[in-house]
Structure formats: C-alpha cells, structure tokens
Amino acid sequence: MPWGFRKILQYIHKRYTASAKVPIYITESGFAIDGEDQFPLEQQIQDEQRQHYYAGYLRAMFEAIRDDGIDVGGYMAWSLLE
C-alpha cells in the first residue's frame, strides 16, 4: 500500500537518517504476477496493474519528500526486462 510506503519512509527518516543527515535510497521496488508471461500480448503491453503500482508508490514518495522533508537520494525500480 502506498500510504504504508510513506509511513516506512517517515519511520526510517525519524529513526535513522534525519539526525545523520543522510539520504534514503530505495534499491528495489516492484512486484511480480504469477503467470504474467502467459497473459495475452495486449494485457502484457498495457500492464495496468504495474502502472497503478508505480503511480501510487511514486506519489507517496513524492509526498514524503515534499511534505515531510525526507531526503530520498534515489529510487530503483525492478527492471521490466528479463
């Protein structure tokens, strides 16, 4: 859940990074769907579930940066390629 991602960013910031003045790096973010390689080509190309996932999580991260003053130094998404 994107709101939970923001909450964990707030917790990490408060507990570890704020006093040390170091940024947070998100090194893996994404999800897999069992059997997605068996989906029809149109569904694989459209990939709406993943679009919604990234839109929500990136929005939550942006709000944490903008509204909570959390320093996020980088965000690495799972590769879309195998």
Protein backbone atom coordinates (compact mmCIF):
# COMPACT_ATOMS: atom_id res chain seq x y z
CA MET A 1 0.00 0.00 0.00
CA PRO A 2 1.43 3.40 -0.96
CA TRP A 3 0.40 5.01 2.35
CA GLY A 4 2.41 2.31 4.13
CA PHE A 5 5.44 3.09 1.96
CA ARG A 6 5.23 6.72 3.05
CA LYS A 7 4.87 5.65 6.69
CA ILE A 8 8.00 3.49 6.48
CA LEU A 9 9.91 6.37 4.87
CA GLN A 10 8.82 8.59 7.77
CA TYR A 11 9.90 5.98 10.30
CA ILE A 12 13.32 5.40 8.70
CA HIS A 13 13.87 9.13 8.42
CA LYS A 14 12.94 9.81 12.03
CA ARG A 15 14.78 6.80 13.47
CA TYR A 16 17.94 6.74 11.36
CA THR A 17 18.57 9.32 8.66
CA ALA A 18 17.38 12.71 9.96
CA SER A 19 19.98 13.02 12.71
CA ALA A 20 22.72 11.58 10.49
CA LYS A 21 21.69 13.88 7.63
CA VAL A 22 21.96 11.11 5.05
CA PRO A 23 19.52 10.36 2.23
CA ILE A 24 17.38 7.25 1.92
CA TYR A 25 17.94 5.07 -1.14
CA ILE A 26 15.16 2.73 -2.25
CA THR A 27 17.07 -0.03 -4.02
CA GLU A 28 14.23 -2.31 -5.08
CA SER A 29 10.61 -1.57 -5.79
CA GLY A 30 8.16 -3.56 -7.84
CA PHE A 31 6.12 -6.72 -7.90
CA ALA A 32 5.62 -9.85 -9.93
CA ILE A 33 2.44 -11.52 -11.06
CA ASP A 34 2.34 -15.31 -11.23
CA GLY A 35 1.92 -16.45 -14.81
CA GLU A 36 2.11 -12.99 -16.34
CA ASP A 37 4.19 -14.42 -19.18
CA GLN A 38 1.06 -16.37 -20.14
CA PHE A 39 -1.14 -13.27 -20.37
CA PRO A 40 -2.39 -12.19 -23.79
CA LEU A 41 0.06 -9.84 -25.52
CA GLU A 42 -2.28 -6.84 -25.23
CA GLN A 43 -2.51 -7.32 -21.46
CA GLN A 44 1.27 -7.71 -21.17
CA ILE A 45 1.82 -4.48 -23.09
CA GLN A 46 -0.85 -2.47 -21.26
CA ASP A 47 0.27 -3.74 -17.81
CA GLU A 48 -2.22 -1.57 -15.90
CA GLN A 49 -1.55 -3.20 -12.53
CA ARG A 50 2.10 -2.18 -12.66
CA GLN A 51 1.19 1.32 -13.89
CA HIS A 52 -1.09 1.81 -10.87
CA TYR A 53 1.53 0.36 -8.52
CA TYR A 54 4.26 2.74 -9.63
CA ALA A 55 1.93 5.74 -9.80
CA GLY A 56 0.83 5.17 -6.21
CA TYR A 57 4.25 4.47 -4.75
CA LEU A 58 5.99 7.30 -6.58
CA ARG A 59 3.22 9.69 -5.47
CA ALA A 60 3.67 8.56 -1.84
CA MET A 61 7.44 9.05 -2.12
CA PHE A 62 6.97 12.49 -3.65
CA GLU A 63 4.63 13.48 -0.81
CA ALA A 64 7.19 12.25 1.74
CA ILE A 65 9.85 14.40 0.08
CA ARG A 66 7.66 17.46 -0.40
CA ASP A 67 5.51 17.40 2.73
CA ASP A 68 7.69 15.58 5.27
CA GLY A 69 11.10 16.90 4.21
CA ILE A 70 12.53 13.42 3.73
CA ASP A 71 15.72 13.27 1.67
CA VAL A 72 15.39 10.46 -0.86
CA GLY A 73 18.63 10.13 -2.80
CA GLY A 74 17.48 7.51 -5.27
CA TYR A 75 14.75 5.11 -6.32
CA MET A 76 15.45 1.99 -8.34
CA ALA A 77 12.52 0.14 -9.89
CA TRP A 78 12.68 -3.53 -10.80
CA SER A 79 13.67 -3.96 -14.39
CA LEU A 80 10.87 -4.54 -16.83
CA LEU A 81 13.17 -6.83 -18.81
CA GLU A 82 14.10 -10.41 -18.04
